[in-house]
Amino acid sequence: MKPNNVTRMLDAHKIPYTAFELEAEKLGALETSRRLGVPAEQVYKTIVVLREGRGKPILALVSGPQEVDLKALAKAVGEKKLTLPTEREAEHLTGLQAGGISRWRCLTADSR
């Protein structure tokens, strides 16, 4: 499996994970966890978040059942306001299908 920015960051910080390849099908994190037979909290999804100004979009990584706290994220990155794009906008920004922004790849956190 080819490394990407997320796996490079995890490797650099010595964070254990398992990467799975999934069919190119639009799946949510909860359905993915069911198919893999792992707890939803161990499946991570990528969420595209837009800045109010001209800054580059943010790609947030959150566990399956969680949602991005836009106010907390805005504060953390020094922005006044952040928004979620439509599926079409997210697909245009990433070049990947929504529901599969990481495309056939699913990361699960390994237990320590």
Protein backbone atom coordinates (compact mmCIF):
# COMPACT_ATOMS: atom_id res chain seq x y z
CA MET A 1 0.00 0.00 0.00
CA LYS A 2 1.38 3.38 -1.01
CA PRO A 3 2.06 5.85 1.86
CA ASN A 4 0.12 9.12 2.00
CA ASN A 5 0.42 12.25 4.16
CA VAL A 6 -1.61 10.73 7.00
CA THR A 7 0.43 7.52 7.17
CA ARG A 8 3.68 9.51 6.91
CA MET A 9 2.60 11.69 9.87
CA LEU A 10 1.62 8.64 11.93
CA ASP A 11 4.91 6.94 11.11
CA ALA A 12 6.91 10.09 11.97
CA HIS A 13 5.25 10.24 15.38
CA LYS A 14 5.55 6.46 15.90
CA ILE A 15 1.76 6.12 16.24
CA PRO A 16 0.66 2.51 15.65
CA TYR A 17 -2.08 1.90 13.09
CA THR A 18 -3.30 -0.68 10.61
CA ALA A 19 -4.16 0.34 7.06
CA PHE A 20 -6.80 -1.62 5.13
CA GLU A 21 -7.66 -1.40 1.46
CA LEU A 22 -11.36 -1.27 0.74
CA GLU A 23 -13.31 -1.42 -2.49
CA ALA A 24 -13.87 1.94 -4.19
CA GLU A 25 -17.35 2.30 -2.74
CA LYS A 26 -18.92 5.21 -0.87
CA LEU A 27 -18.84 4.07 2.77
CA GLY A 28 -19.18 5.94 6.03
CA ALA A 29 -16.93 5.23 8.99
CA LEU A 30 -19.60 3.26 10.86
CA GLU A 31 -20.32 0.97 7.90
CA THR A 32 -16.58 0.56 7.38
CA SER A 33 -16.12 -0.49 11.02
CA ARG A 34 -18.88 -3.09 10.62
CA ARG A 35 -17.28 -4.51 7.48
CA LEU A 36 -13.86 -4.69 9.10
CA GLY A 37 -15.20 -6.05 12.38
CA VAL A 38 -13.52 -3.38 14.49
CA PRO A 39 -14.96 -0.83 16.96
CA ALA A 40 -16.11 2.41 15.28
CA GLU A 41 -13.80 4.38 17.59
CA GLN A 42 -10.82 2.72 15.91
CA VAL A 43 -11.81 3.78 12.39
CA TYR A 44 -10.76 7.28 11.39
CA LYS A 45 -12.34 9.47 8.75
CA THR A 46 -11.06 12.56 7.02
CA ILE A 47 -13.22 15.68 7.01
CA VAL A 48 -12.52 18.60 4.68
CA VAL A 49 -12.94 21.95 6.48
CA LEU A 50 -12.91 25.35 4.77
CA ARG A 51 -11.34 28.51 6.11
CA GLU A 52 -13.29 31.76 5.84
CA GLY A 53 -10.45 33.55 4.08
CA ARG A 54 -8.16 32.37 1.34
CA GLY A 55 -6.18 29.84 3.36
CA LYS A 56 -5.83 26.25 2.26
CA PRO A 57 -8.58 23.86 3.39
CA ILE A 58 -7.96 21.77 6.48
CA LEU A 59 -8.17 18.00 6.45
CA ALA A 60 -9.33 16.93 9.92
CA LEU A 61 -8.88 13.34 11.05
CA VAL A 62 -11.54 12.16 13.53
CA SER A 63 -12.70 8.80 14.86
CA GLY A 64 -15.74 7.17 13.26
CA PRO A 65 -18.55 8.24 15.60
CA GLN A 66 -17.14 11.73 16.23
CA GLU A 67 -17.82 15.03 14.47
CA VAL A 68 -15.47 17.96 13.92
CA ASP A 69 -15.98 20.73 16.49
CA LEU A 70 -15.68 23.67 14.11
CA LYS A 71 -15.45 26.28 16.89
CA ALA A 72 -12.67 24.41 18.71
CA LEU A 73 -10.80 23.78 15.46
CA ALA A 74 -11.15 27.43 14.42
CA LYS A 75 -9.69 28.53 17.75
CA ALA A 76 -6.84 26.00 17.44
CA VAL A 77 -5.83 27.26 13.98
CA GLY A 78 -6.43 30.96 14.70
CA GLU A 79 -9.45 31.41 12.42
CA LYS A 80 -12.66 33.27 13.19
CA LYS A 81 -14.88 30.80 11.37
CA LEU A 82 -14.62 27.45 9.61
CA THR A 83 -17.27 25.70 7.52
CA LEU A 84 -17.87 22.30 6.00
CA PRO A 85 -18.03 22.12 2.21
CA THR A 86 -20.74 20.33 0.30
CA GLU A 87 -19.86 16.82 -0.88
CA ARG A 88 -19.32 18.18 -4.37
CA GLU A 89 -16.94 20.89 -3.07
CA ALA A 90 -14.99 18.34 -0.99
CA GLU A 91 -14.66 16.08 -4.01
CA HIS A 92 -13.48 18.99 -6.17
CA LEU A 93 -10.92 20.11 -3.56
CA THR A 94 -9.46 16.64 -2.98
CA GLY A 95 -10.10 14.94 -6.30
CA LEU A 96 -11.58 12.02 -4.34
CA GLN A 97 -15.09 10.70 -3.78
CA ALA A 98 -16.87 11.93 -0.63
CA GLY A 99 -17.38 9.02 1.74
CA GLY A 100 -13.95 7.89 0.63
CA ILE A 101 -11.68 10.95 0.77
CA SER A 102 -8.90 8.54 1.76
CA ARG A 103 -10.17 6.32 -1.10
CA TRP A 104 -9.94 2.55 -0.59
CA ARG A 105 -7.90 3.16 2.55
CA CYS A 106 -9.09 2.88 6.10
CA LEU A 107 -6.93 3.48 9.13
CA THR A 108 -7.60 1.90 12.48
CA ALA A 109 -5.82 2.86 15.67
CA ASP A 110 -3.95 -0.06 17.12
CA SER A 111 -4.40 -0.76 20.80
CA ARG A 112 -1.34 -0.19 22.92
